[in-house]
C-alpha atoms as a PDB file:
ATOM      1  CA  MET A   1      11.337   0.273   1.208  1.00  0.00           C
ATOM      2  CA  TRP A   2      11.365   1.022   4.966  1.00  0.00           C
ATOM      3  CA  ARG A   3      10.504   4.716   4.242  1.00  0.00           C
ATOM      4  CA  ILE A   4       7.545   3.849   2.602  1.00  0.00           C
ATOM      5  CA  PHE A   5       6.248   1.303   4.958  1.00  0.00           C
ATOM      6  CA  PHE A   6       6.376   3.503   8.172  1.00  0.00           C
ATOM      7  CA  ILE A   7       4.738   6.608   5.940  1.00  0.00           C
ATOM      8  CA  ALA A   8       2.005   3.859   5.355  1.00  0.00           C
ATOM      9  CA  ALA A   9       2.007   3.162   9.119  1.00  0.00           C
ATOM     10  CA  THR A  10       1.873   6.875   9.670  1.00  0.00           C
ATOM     11  CA  LEU A  11      -1.196   7.251   7.440  1.00  0.00           C
ATOM     12  CA  PHE A  12      -2.764   4.092   9.106  1.00  0.00           C
ATOM     13  CA  ASN A  13      -2.911   5.960  12.605  1.00  0.00           C
ATOM     14  CA  ILE A  14      -3.965   8.948  10.967  1.00  0.00           C
ATOM     15  CA  ALA A  15      -7.182   7.173   9.408  1.00  0.00           C
ATOM     16  CA  ALA A  16      -7.617   5.601  12.896  1.00  0.00           C
ATOM     17  CA  GLY A  17      -7.055   8.390  15.265  1.00  0.00           C
ATOM     18  CA  LEU A  18      -8.233  11.557  13.439  1.00  0.00           C
ATOM     19  CA  PRO A  19     -12.034  10.474  13.791  1.00  0.00           C
ATOM     20  CA  LEU A  20     -11.741   9.333  17.127  1.00  0.00           C
ATOM     21  CA  LEU A  21     -10.201  12.805  18.220  1.00  0.00           C
ATOM     22  CA  ALA A  22     -12.555  15.051  15.986  1.00  0.00           C
ATOM     23  CA  ALA A  23     -15.801  12.803  16.018  1.00  0.00           C
ATOM     24  CA  PRO A  24     -15.865   9.945  17.986  1.00  0.00           C
ATOM     25  CA  ASP A  25     -19.701  10.173  18.176  1.00  0.00           C
ATOM     26  CA  ALA A  26     -19.613   9.696  14.283  1.00  0.00           C
ATOM     27  CA  MET A  27     -16.893   6.867  14.662  1.00  0.00           C
ATOM     28  CA  ALA A  28     -18.724   4.652  17.184  1.00  0.00           C
ATOM     29  CA  GLN A  29     -21.886   4.645  15.114  1.00  0.00           C
ATOM     30  CA  SER A  30     -20.290   3.636  11.888  1.00  0.00           C
ATOM     31  CA  LEU A  31     -18.818   1.073  13.693  1.00  0.00           C
ATOM     32  CA  ASN A  32     -22.239  -0.061  14.994  1.00  0.00           C
ATOM     33  CA  MET A  33     -21.402   0.816  18.979  1.00  0.00           C
ATOM     34  CA  PRO A  34     -23.073   2.618  21.182  1.00  0.00           C
ATOM     35  CA  VAL A  35     -21.901   6.564  21.727  1.00  0.00           C
ATOM     36  CA  PRO A  36     -21.501   7.044  25.234  1.00  0.00           C
ATOM     37  CA  ASP A  37     -22.105  10.108  26.645  1.00  0.00           C
ATOM     38  CA  ASP A  38     -18.631  11.283  27.845  1.00  0.00           C
ATOM     39  CA  LEU A  39     -16.534  11.017  24.677  1.00  0.00           C
ATOM     40  CA  LEU A  40     -13.274  12.042  26.577  1.00  0.00           C
ATOM     41  CA  TYR A  41     -11.645   8.720  26.455  1.00  0.00           C
ATOM     42  CA  HIS A  42     -12.448   8.062  23.007  1.00  0.00           C
ATOM     43  CA  ARG A  43     -11.112  11.725  21.938  1.00  0.00           C
ATOM     44  CA  PHE A  44      -7.553  11.179  24.178  1.00  0.00           C
ATOM     45  CA  THR A  45      -7.413   7.607  22.448  1.00  0.00           C
ATOM     46  CA  GLY A  46      -7.156   9.174  19.097  1.00  0.00           C
ATOM     47  CA  LEU A  47      -4.928  11.715  20.254  1.00  0.00           C
ATOM     48  CA  LEU A  48      -2.639   8.979  21.516  1.00  0.00           C
ATOM     49  CA  ILE A  49      -2.964   6.882  18.040  1.00  0.00           C
ATOM     50  CA  LEU A  50      -1.983  10.397  16.150  1.00  0.00           C
ATOM     51  CA  ALA A  51       1.126  10.744  18.907  1.00  0.00           C
ATOM     52  CA  PHE A  52       1.997   7.280  17.778  1.00  0.00           C
ATOM     53  CA  GLY A  53       1.703   8.175  13.747  1.00  0.00           C
ATOM     54  CA  GLY A  54       3.918  11.027  14.747  1.00  0.00           C
ATOM     55  CA  PHE A  55       6.488   8.570  15.978  1.00  0.00           C
ATOM     56  CA  TYR A  56       6.003   6.726  12.655  1.00  0.00           C
ATOM     57  CA  ALA A  57       6.655   9.706  10.319  1.00  0.00           C
ATOM     58  CA  ALA A  58       9.928  10.178  12.395  1.00  0.00           C
ATOM     59  CA  MET A  59      10.882   6.756  11.348  1.00  0.00           C
ATOM     60  CA  ALA A  60      10.046   7.228   8.123  1.00  0.00           C
ATOM     61  CA  TYR A  61      12.862   9.707   8.042  1.00  0.00           C
ATOM     62  CA  ASP A  62      15.502   8.941  10.456  1.00  0.00           C
ATOM     63  CA  GLN A  63      15.167   4.994  11.165  1.00  0.00           C
ATOM     64  CA  GLU A  64      18.666   5.014  12.912  1.00  0.00           C
ATOM     65  CA  ARG A  65      17.921   7.657  15.085  1.00  0.00           C
ATOM     66  CA  PHE A  66      14.469   6.209  16.221  1.00  0.00           C
ATOM     67  CA  GLY A  67      14.433   2.523  15.641  1.00  0.00           C
ATOM     68  CA  PRO A  68      15.192   1.270  18.947  1.00  0.00           C
ATOM     69  CA  LEU A  69      12.211   2.803  19.962  1.00  0.00           C
ATOM     70  CA  LEU A  70      10.041   0.977  17.735  1.00  0.00           C
ATOM     71  CA  TRP A  71       9.717  -2.148  20.358  1.00  0.00           C
ATOM     72  CA  LEU A  72       7.237   0.547  21.742  1.00  0.00           C
ATOM     73  CA  GLY A  73       5.283   0.772  18.455  1.00  0.00           C
ATOM     74  CA  ALA A  74       5.119  -3.113  18.438  1.00  0.00           C
ATOM     75  CA  ALA A  75       4.160  -3.406  21.616  1.00  0.00           C
ATOM     76  CA  GLY A  76       1.566  -0.744  21.386  1.00  0.00           C
ATOM     77  CA  LYS A  77      -0.345  -2.422  18.209  1.00  0.00           C
ATOM     78  CA  ALA A  78       0.202  -5.870  19.652  1.00  0.00           C
ATOM     79  CA  GLY A  79      -1.828  -4.729  23.264  1.00  0.00           C
ATOM     80  CA  VAL A  80      -4.108  -3.237  20.809  1.00  0.00           C
ATOM     81  CA  ILE A  81      -5.224  -6.359  18.623  1.00  0.00           C
ATOM     82  CA  LEU A  82      -5.297  -8.354  22.140  1.00  0.00           C
ATOM     83  CA  LEU A  83      -7.355  -5.762  23.916  1.00  0.00           C
ATOM     84  CA  MET A  84      -9.726  -5.654  20.688  1.00  0.00           C
ATOM     85  CA  GLY A  85      -9.863  -9.387  20.434  1.00  0.00           C
ATOM     86  CA  GLU A  86     -10.840  -9.923  23.777  1.00  0.00           C
ATOM     87  CA  ALA A  87     -13.686  -7.414  23.794  1.00  0.00           C
ATOM     88  CA  TYR A  88     -14.879  -8.952  20.559  1.00  0.00           C
ATOM     89  CA  VAL A  89     -14.774 -12.373  21.930  1.00  0.00           C
ATOM     90  CA  SER A  90     -16.799 -11.440  25.230  1.00  0.00           C
ATOM     91  CA  GLY A  91     -19.296  -9.276  22.946  1.00  0.00           C
ATOM     92  CA  ARG A  92     -18.462  -5.794  23.818  1.00  0.00           C
ATOM     93  CA  VAL A  93     -17.595  -4.940  20.494  1.00  0.00           C
ATOM     94  CA  PRO A  94     -19.037  -5.706  17.111  1.00  0.00           C
ATOM     95  CA  PHE A  95     -16.760  -7.613  14.519  1.00  0.00           C
ATOM     96  CA  ALA A  96     -16.532  -4.036  12.407  1.00  0.00           C
ATOM     97  CA  ALA A  97     -14.812  -2.496  15.480  1.00  0.00           C
ATOM     98  CA  PHE A  98     -12.398  -5.885  15.887  1.00  0.00           C
ATOM     99  CA  ALA A  99     -11.605  -5.822  12.190  1.00  0.00           C
ATOM    100  CA  VAL A 100     -10.015  -2.571  12.374  1.00  0.00           C
ATOM    101  CA  SER A 101      -7.454  -3.736  14.789  1.00  0.00           C
ATOM    102  CA  LEU A 102      -6.660  -6.285  12.540  1.00  0.00           C
ATOM    103  CA  GLY A 103      -4.754  -4.047  10.449  1.00  0.00           C
ATOM    104  CA  ASP A 104      -2.267  -3.487  12.860  1.00  0.00           C
ATOM    105  CA  VAL A 105      -1.164  -7.224  12.369  1.00  0.00           C
ATOM    106  CA  LEU A 106       0.541  -6.161   9.426  1.00  0.00           C
ATOM    107  CA  PHE A 107       2.261  -3.432  10.927  1.00  0.00           C
ATOM    108  CA  VAL A 108       3.294  -5.584  14.046  1.00  0.00           C
ATOM    109  CA  VAL A 109       4.914  -7.955  11.630  1.00  0.00           C
ATOM    110  CA  GLY A 110       6.780  -5.543   9.598  1.00  0.00           C
ATOM    111  CA  PHE A 111       8.205  -3.549  13.093  1.00  0.00           C
ATOM    112  CA  LEU A 112       9.309  -6.857  14.019  1.00  0.00           C
ATOM    113  CA  ALA A 113      11.016  -7.686  10.804  1.00  0.00           C
ATOM    114  CA  PHE A 114      12.901  -4.108  11.009  1.00  0.00           C
ATOM    115  CA  LEU A 115      13.955  -4.636  14.407  1.00  0.00           C
ATOM    116  CA  VAL A 116      15.484  -8.114  14.207  1.00  0.00           C
ATOM    117  CA  LEU A 117      16.095  -8.674  10.670  1.00  0.00           C
ATOM    118  CA  PRO A 118      19.686  -7.544   9.234  1.00  0.00           C
ATOM    119  CA  ARG A 119      19.425  -4.281   6.996  1.00  0.00           C
ATOM    120  CA  LYS A 120      22.013  -2.553   4.757  1.00  0.00           C
ATOM    121  CA  PRO A 121      23.425   0.240   6.063  1.00  0.00           C
ATOM    122  CA  ALA A 122      22.115   3.557   5.207  1.00  0.00           C
END
């Protein structure tokens, strides 16, 4: 079960990160956001999202080895939700942009469940 969950987390990060890295202008337009002149920070964000996705892929295949590092993933995803929530409430991003971050709620809950609930040995 956990392997499938971490593969889903990997795919979620690929779906969020690859468009930001490869076509940040199209991604911003699809979310009704203004396209800045310099897209470096959007691409950098996409790269980091993909890097976290690589970590989740590693989790899918070796949960014992990488499991203790999952706190970083939980903190990162919770941070995304908080930052996007604040930006939405203050009117800096439209709901469509905030809605993308809501997918992270499921993964934060799942990551915390993995970290704190007892599991059967592999």
